[in-house]
Amino acid sequence: MLRGNSAQPPDIPLKQRLVLLDLNMPKMGGSEFFQKLRSNPILRTTPVVVMTTSNQEQDRVEAYNLSVVG
């Protein structure tokens, strides 16, 4: 959805994106998703707001290290 594919452009234009991310997602964890997003040269500037029920300081530090916007 964010990257599109070779036949179609992304569903959401680059300039109109904001990701609301839960760190406690099933299947792929939020931290893993965040790292993949930041490692993609096209998607790395997408603003991300993290929402989580985690009380772990490590989760907050990791999010800030990956340039969370809120």
PDB file of N, CA and C in Angstrom:
ATOM      1  N   MET A   1       0.825  -1.198   0.000  1.00  0.00           N
ATOM      2  CA  MET A   1       0.000   0.000   0.000  1.00  0.00           C
ATOM      3  C   MET A   1       0.872   1.266   0.000  1.00  0.00           C
ATOM      4  N   LEU A   2       1.941   1.268   0.759  1.00  0.00           N
ATOM      5  CA  LEU A   2       2.816   2.444   0.816  1.00  0.00           C
ATOM      6  C   LEU A   2       3.806   2.493  -0.336  1.00  0.00           C
ATOM      7  N   ARG A   3       4.261   1.334  -0.780  1.00  0.00           N
ATOM      8  CA  ARG A   3       5.264   1.282  -1.840  1.00  0.00           C
ATOM      9  C   ARG A   3       4.670   1.180  -3.231  1.00  0.00           C
ATOM     10  N   GLY A   4       3.472   0.616  -3.369  1.00  0.00           N
ATOM     11  CA  GLY A   4       2.938   0.317  -4.687  1.00  0.00           C
ATOM     12  C   GLY A   4       3.681  -0.869  -5.262  1.00  0.00           C
ATOM     13  N   ASN A   5       3.575  -1.071  -6.566  1.00  0.00           N
ATOM     14  CA  ASN A   5       4.345  -2.125  -7.226  1.00  0.00           C
ATOM     15  C   ASN A   5       4.728  -1.638  -8.615  1.00  0.00           C
ATOM     16  N   SER A   6       5.376  -2.475  -9.367  1.00  0.00           N
ATOM     17  CA  SER A   6       5.873  -2.032 -10.680  1.00  0.00           C
ATOM     18  C   SER A   6       4.745  -1.653 -11.635  1.00  0.00           C
ATOM     19  N   ALA A   7       3.556  -2.220 -11.439  1.00  0.00           N
ATOM     20  CA  ALA A   7       2.433  -1.927 -12.334  1.00  0.00           C
ATOM     21  C   ALA A   7       1.590  -0.741 -11.866  1.00  0.00           C
ATOM     22  N   GLN A   8       1.610  -0.453 -10.568  1.00  0.00           N
ATOM     23  CA  GLN A   8       0.769   0.619 -10.031  1.00  0.00           C
ATOM     24  C   GLN A   8       1.530   1.473  -9.027  1.00  0.00           C
ATOM     25  N   PRO A   9       1.208   2.760  -8.977  1.00  0.00           N
ATOM     26  CA  PRO A   9       1.819   3.634  -7.964  1.00  0.00           C
ATOM     27  C   PRO A   9       1.198   3.343  -6.595  1.00  0.00           C
ATOM     28  N   PRO A  10       1.778   3.879  -5.527  1.00  0.00           N
ATOM     29  CA  PRO A  10       1.220   3.686  -4.185  1.00  0.00           C
ATOM     30  C   PRO A  10      -0.210   4.210  -4.093  1.00  0.00           C
ATOM     31  N   ASP A  11      -0.998   3.607  -3.208  1.00  0.00           N
ATOM     32  CA  ASP A  11      -2.383   4.032  -2.999  1.00  0.00           C
ATOM     33  C   ASP A  11      -2.470   5.421  -2.379  1.00  0.00           C
ATOM     34  N   ILE A  12      -1.502   5.761  -1.551  1.00  0.00           N
ATOM     35  CA  ILE A  12      -1.511   7.041  -0.840  1.00  0.00           C
ATOM     36  C   ILE A  12      -0.313   7.863  -1.312  1.00  0.00           C
ATOM     37  N   PRO A  13      -0.544   9.067  -1.833  1.00  0.00           N
ATOM     38  CA  PRO A  13       0.571   9.905  -2.301  1.00  0.00           C
ATOM     39  C   PRO A  13       1.574  10.193  -1.177  1.00  0.00           C
ATOM     40  N   LEU A  14       2.847  10.303  -1.525  1.00  0.00           N
ATOM     41  CA  LEU A  14       3.905  10.525  -0.536  1.00  0.00           C
ATOM     42  C   LEU A  14       3.666  11.733   0.348  1.00  0.00           C
ATOM     43  N   LYS A  15       3.155  12.803  -0.187  1.00  0.00           N
ATOM     44  CA  LYS A  15       3.003  14.045   0.581  1.00  0.00           C
ATOM     45  C   LYS A  15       1.780  14.048   1.481  1.00  0.00           C
ATOM     46  N   GLN A  16       0.954  13.007   1.418  1.00  0.00           N
ATOM     47  CA  GLN A  16      -0.264  12.966   2.230  1.00  0.00           C
ATOM     48  C   GLN A  16      -0.253  11.812   3.217  1.00  0.00           C
ATOM     49  N   ARG A  17       0.904  11.490   3.738  1.00  0.00           N
ATOM     50  CA  ARG A  17       1.030  10.321   4.593  1.00  0.00           C
ATOM     51  C   ARG A  17       1.316  10.668   6.037  1.00  0.00           C
ATOM     52  N   LEU A  18       0.713   9.883   6.898  1.00  0.00           N
ATOM     53  CA  LEU A  18       1.007   9.878   8.322  1.00  0.00           C
ATOM     54  C   LEU A  18       0.700   8.465   8.803  1.00  0.00           C
ATOM     55  N   VAL A  19       1.660   7.818   9.421  1.00  0.00           N
ATOM     56  CA  VAL A  19       1.466   6.467   9.920  1.00  0.00           C
ATOM     57  C   VAL A  19       1.222   6.530  11.418  1.00  0.00           C
ATOM     58  N   LEU A  20       0.098   5.948  11.872  1.00  0.00           N
ATOM     59  CA  LEU A  20      -0.173   5.758  13.293  1.00  0.00           C
ATOM     60  C   LEU A  20       0.216   4.317  13.592  1.00  0.00           C
ATOM     61  N   LEU A  21       1.218   4.121  14.408  1.00  0.00           N
ATOM     62  CA  LEU A  21       1.817   2.805  14.591  1.00  0.00           C
ATOM     63  C   LEU A  21       1.657   2.316  16.014  1.00  0.00           C
ATOM     64  N   ASP A  22       1.125   1.101  16.150  1.00  0.00           N
ATOM     65  CA  ASP A  22       1.047   0.422  17.441  1.00  0.00           C
ATOM     66  C   ASP A  22       2.253  -0.507  17.535  1.00  0.00           C
ATOM     67  N   LEU A  23       3.055  -0.371  18.559  1.00  0.00           N
ATOM     68  CA  LEU A  23       4.241  -1.216  18.695  1.00  0.00           C
ATOM     69  C   LEU A  23       3.888  -2.672  18.981  1.00  0.00           C
ATOM     70  N   ASN A  24       2.687  -2.931  19.478  1.00  0.00           N
ATOM     71  CA  ASN A  24       2.277  -4.286  19.846  1.00  0.00           C
ATOM     72  C   ASN A  24       1.375  -4.911  18.793  1.00  0.00           C
ATOM     73  N   MET A  25       1.771  -4.822  17.518  1.00  0.00           N
ATOM     74  CA  MET A  25       0.983  -5.406  16.434  1.00  0.00           C
ATOM     75  C   MET A  25       1.208  -6.916  16.375  1.00  0.00           C
ATOM     76  N   PRO A  26       0.194  -7.667  15.884  1.00  0.00           N
ATOM     77  CA  PRO A  26       0.402  -9.105  15.676  1.00  0.00           C
ATOM     78  C   PRO A  26       1.224  -9.336  14.404  1.00  0.00           C
ATOM     79  N   LYS A  27       1.752 -10.515  14.246  1.00  0.00           N
ATOM     80  CA  LYS A  27       2.564 -10.941  13.104  1.00  0.00           C
ATOM     81  C   LYS A  27       3.868 -10.163  13.028  1.00  0.00           C
ATOM     82  N   MET A  28       3.868  -8.952  12.462  1.00  0.00           N
ATOM     83  CA  MET A  28       5.080  -8.128  12.408  1.00  0.00           C
ATOM     84  C   MET A  28       4.972  -7.081  13.506  1.00  0.00           C
ATOM     85  N   GLY A  29       5.935  -7.061  14.404  1.00  0.00           N
ATOM     86  CA  GLY A  29       5.907  -6.081  15.482  1.00  0.00           C
ATOM     87  C   GLY A  29       6.064  -4.663  14.964  1.00  0.00           C
ATOM     88  N   GLY A  30       5.578  -3.713  15.717  1.00  0.00           N
ATOM     89  CA  GLY A  30       5.660  -2.318  15.319  1.00  0.00           C
ATOM     90  C   GLY A  30       7.084  -1.834  15.142  1.00  0.00           C
ATOM     91  N   SER A  31       7.993  -2.295  16.011  1.00  0.00           N
ATOM     92  CA  SER A  31       9.404  -1.892  15.887  1.00  0.00           C
ATOM     93  C   SER A  31       9.999  -2.407  14.589  1.00  0.00           C
ATOM     94  N   GLU A  32       9.663  -3.638  14.224  1.00  0.00           N
ATOM     95  CA  GLU A  32      10.169  -4.204  12.973  1.00  0.00           C
ATOM     96  C   GLU A  32       9.633  -3.426  11.771  1.00  0.00           C
ATOM     97  N   PHE A  33       8.331  -3.098  11.805  1.00  0.00           N
ATOM     98  CA  PHE A  33       7.736  -2.312  10.727  1.00  0.00           C
ATOM     99  C   PHE A  33       8.425  -0.946  10.624  1.00  0.00           C
ATOM    100  N   PHE A  34       8.635  -0.308  11.763  1.00  0.00           N
ATOM    101  CA  PHE A  34       9.253   1.015  11.810  1.00  0.00           C
ATOM    102  C   PHE A  34      10.663   0.968  11.210  1.00  0.00           C
ATOM    103  N   GLN A  35      11.422  -0.061  11.549  1.00  0.00           N
ATOM    104  CA  GLN A  35      12.775  -0.200  11.009  1.00  0.00           C
ATOM    105  C   GLN A  35      12.754  -0.395   9.495  1.00  0.00           C
ATOM    106  N   LYS A  36      11.821  -1.200   9.003  1.00  0.00           N
ATOM    107  CA  LYS A  36      11.712  -1.416   7.554  1.00  0.00           C
ATOM    108  C   LYS A  36      11.315  -0.124   6.842  1.00  0.00           C
ATOM    109  N   LEU A  37      10.407   0.632   7.446  1.00  0.00           N
ATOM    110  CA  LEU A  37       9.986   1.899   6.865  1.00  0.00           C
ATOM    111  C   LEU A  37      11.169   2.858   6.763  1.00  0.00           C
ATOM    112  N   ARG A  38      11.946   2.971   7.825  1.00  0.00           N
ATOM    113  CA  ARG A  38      13.080   3.895   7.844  1.00  0.00           C
ATOM    114  C   ARG A  38      14.229   3.436   6.949  1.00  0.00           C
ATOM    115  N   SER A  39      14.317   2.144   6.656  1.00  0.00           N
ATOM    116  CA  SER A  39      15.395   1.657   5.802  1.00  0.00           C
ATOM    117  C   SER A  39      15.079   1.817   4.317  1.00  0.00           C
ATOM    118  N   ASN A  40      13.826   2.133   3.986  1.00  0.00           N
ATOM    119  CA  ASN A  40      13.438   2.329   2.589  1.00  0.00           C
ATOM    120  C   ASN A  40      13.678   3.786   2.207  1.00  0.00           C
ATOM    121  N   PRO A  41      14.515   4.057   1.189  1.00  0.00           N
ATOM    122  CA  PRO A  41      14.848   5.446   0.838  1.00  0.00           C
ATOM    123  C   PRO A  41      13.640   6.300   0.448  1.00  0.00           C
ATOM    124  N   ILE A  42      12.629   5.707  -0.122  1.00  0.00           N
ATOM    125  CA  ILE A  42      11.441   6.469  -0.530  1.00  0.00           C
ATOM    126  C   ILE A  42      10.519   6.727   0.651  1.00  0.00           C
ATOM    127  N   LEU A  43      10.402   5.768   1.554  1.00  0.00           N
ATOM    128  CA  LEU A  43       9.456   5.871   2.671  1.00  0.00           C
ATOM    129  C   LEU A  43      10.051   6.445   3.945  1.00  0.00           C
ATOM    130  N   ARG A  44      11.374   6.624   3.989  1.00  0.00           N
ATOM    131  CA  ARG A  44      12.033   7.011   5.240  1.00  0.00           C
ATOM    132  C   ARG A  44      11.558   8.346   5.803  1.00  0.00           C
ATOM    133  N   THR A  45      11.046   9.235   4.971  1.00  0.00           N
ATOM    134  CA  THR A  45      10.600  10.545   5.474  1.00  0.00           C
ATOM    135  C   THR A  45       9.132  10.547   5.893  1.00  0.00           C
ATOM    136  N   THR A  46       8.449   9.408   5.786  1.00  0.00           N
ATOM    137  CA  THR A  46       7.046   9.319   6.193  1.00  0.00           C
ATOM    138  C   THR A  46       6.943   9.573   7.689  1.00  0.00           C
ATOM    139  N   PRO A  47       6.125  10.537   8.109  1.00  0.00           N
ATOM    140  CA  PRO A  47       5.980  10.798   9.547  1.00  0.00           C
ATOM    141  C   PRO A  47       5.273   9.640  10.252  1.00  0.00           C
ATOM    142  N   VAL A  48       5.759   9.287  11.440  1.00  0.00           N
ATOM    143  CA  VAL A  48       5.196   8.182  12.212  1.00  0.00           C
ATOM    144  C   VAL A  48       4.877   8.663  13.622  1.00  0.00           C
ATOM    145  N   VAL A  49       3.649   8.384  14.062  1.00  0.00           N
ATOM    146  CA  VAL A  49       3.235   8.630  15.438  1.00  0.00           C
ATOM    147  C   VAL A  49       3.037   7.261  16.071  1.00  0.00           C
ATOM    148  N   VAL A  50       3.708   7.008  17.184  1.00  0.00           N
ATOM    149  CA  VAL A  50       3.633   5.716  17.858  1.00  0.00           C
ATOM    150  C   VAL A  50       2.626   5.789  18.998  1.00  0.00           C
ATOM    151  N   MET A  51       1.764   4.784  19.019  1.00  0.00           N
ATOM    152  CA  MET A  51       0.808   4.623  20.119  1.00  0.00           C
ATOM    153  C   MET A  51       1.048   3.224  20.688  1.00  0.00           C
ATOM    154  N   THR A  52       1.183   3.133  21.990  1.00  0.00           N
ATOM    155  CA  THR A  52       1.446   1.828  22.574  1.00  0.00           C
ATOM    156  C   THR A  52       1.023   1.793  24.033  1.00  0.00           C
ATOM    157  N   THR A  53       0.762   0.603  24.509  1.00  0.00           N
ATOM    158  CA  THR A  53       0.471   0.401  25.926  1.00  0.00           C
ATOM    159  C   THR A  53       1.730  -0.024  26.673  1.00  0.00           C
ATOM    160  N   SER A  54       2.843  -0.124  25.953  1.00  0.00           N
ATOM    161  CA  SER A  54       4.104  -0.544  26.554  1.00  0.00           C
ATOM    162  C   SER A  54       4.616   0.504  27.533  1.00  0.00           C
ATOM    163  N   ASN A  55       5.095   0.032  28.650  1.00  0.00           N
ATOM    164  CA  ASN A  55       5.727   0.911  29.638  1.00  0.00           C
ATOM    165  C   ASN A  55       7.245   0.781  29.606  1.00  0.00           C
ATOM    166  N   GLN A  56       7.752   0.049  28.628  1.00  0.00           N
ATOM    167  CA  GLN A  56       9.193  -0.197  28.558  1.00  0.00           C
ATOM    168  C   GLN A  56       9.915   1.021  27.979  1.00  0.00           C
ATOM    169  N   GLU A  57      10.885   1.500  28.710  1.00  0.00           N
ATOM    170  CA  GLU A  57      11.700   2.635  28.275  1.00  0.00           C
ATOM    171  C   GLU A  57      12.399   2.327  26.950  1.00  0.00           C
ATOM    172  N   GLN A  58      12.806   1.072  26.764  1.00  0.00           N
ATOM    173  CA  GLN A  58      13.490   0.654  25.546  1.00  0.00           C
ATOM    174  C   GLN A  58      12.626   0.925  24.304  1.00  0.00           C
ATOM    175  N   ASP A  59      11.322   0.711  24.399  1.00  0.00           N
ATOM    176  CA  ASP A  59      10.421   0.966  23.272  1.00  0.00           C
ATOM    177  C   ASP A  59      10.406   2.445  22.904  1.00  0.00           C
ATOM    178  N   ARG A  60      10.375   3.299  23.901  1.00  0.00           N
ATOM    179  CA  ARG A  60      10.374   4.745  23.641  1.00  0.00           C
ATOM    180  C   ARG A  60      11.696   5.207  23.042  1.00  0.00           C
ATOM    181  N   VAL A  61      12.794   4.723  23.591  1.00  0.00           N
ATOM    182  CA  VAL A  61      14.117   5.102  23.092  1.00  0.00           C
ATOM    183  C   VAL A  61      14.283   4.659  21.646  1.00  0.00           C
ATOM    184  N   GLU A  62      13.875   3.433  21.345  1.00  0.00           N
ATOM    185  CA  GLU A  62      13.991   2.925  19.982  1.00  0.00           C
ATOM    186  C   GLU A  62      13.153   3.763  19.011  1.00  0.00           C
ATOM    187  N   ALA A  63      11.944   4.120  19.417  1.00  0.00           N
ATOM    188  CA  ALA A  63      11.081   4.948  18.566  1.00  0.00           C
ATOM    189  C   ALA A  63      11.734   6.307  18.304  1.00  0.00           C
ATOM    190  N   TYR A  64      12.277   6.932  19.315  1.00  0.00           N
ATOM    191  CA  TYR A  64      12.937   8.235  19.119  1.00  0.00           C
ATOM    192  C   TYR A  64      14.187   8.103  18.268  1.00  0.00           C
ATOM    193  N   ASN A  65      14.908   6.997  18.419  1.00  0.00           N
ATOM    194  CA  ASN A  65      16.091   6.778  17.579  1.00  0.00           C
ATOM    195  C   ASN A  65      15.728   6.608  16.109  1.00  0.00           C
ATOM    196  N   LEU A  66      14.508   6.160  15.841  1.00  0.00           N
ATOM    197  CA  LEU A  66      14.027   5.993  14.466  1.00  0.00           C
ATOM    198  C   LEU A  66      13.269   7.221  13.984  1.00  0.00           C
ATOM    199  N   SER A  67      13.380   8.312  14.702  1.00  0.00           N
ATOM    200  CA  SER A  67      12.787   9.614  14.320  1.00  0.00           C
ATOM    201  C   SER A  67      11.266   9.622  14.341  1.00  0.00           C
ATOM    202  N   VAL A  68      10.692   9.130  15.423  1.00  0.00           N
ATOM    203  CA  VAL A  68       9.256   9.233  15.599  1.00  0.00           C
ATOM    204  C   VAL A  68       8.871  10.706  15.706  1.00  0.00           C
ATOM    205  N   VAL A  69       7.702  11.068  15.214  1.00  0.00           N
ATOM    206  CA  VAL A  69       7.279  12.479  15.315  1.00  0.00           C
ATOM    207  C   VAL A  69       6.371  12.699  16.523  1.00  0.00           C
ATOM    208  N   GLY A  70       5.932  11.647  17.137  1.00  0.00           N
ATOM    209  CA  GLY A  70       5.099  11.797  18.320  1.00  0.00           C
ATOM    210  C   GLY A  70       4.745  10.485  18.928  1.00  0.00           C
TER     211      GLY A  70
END
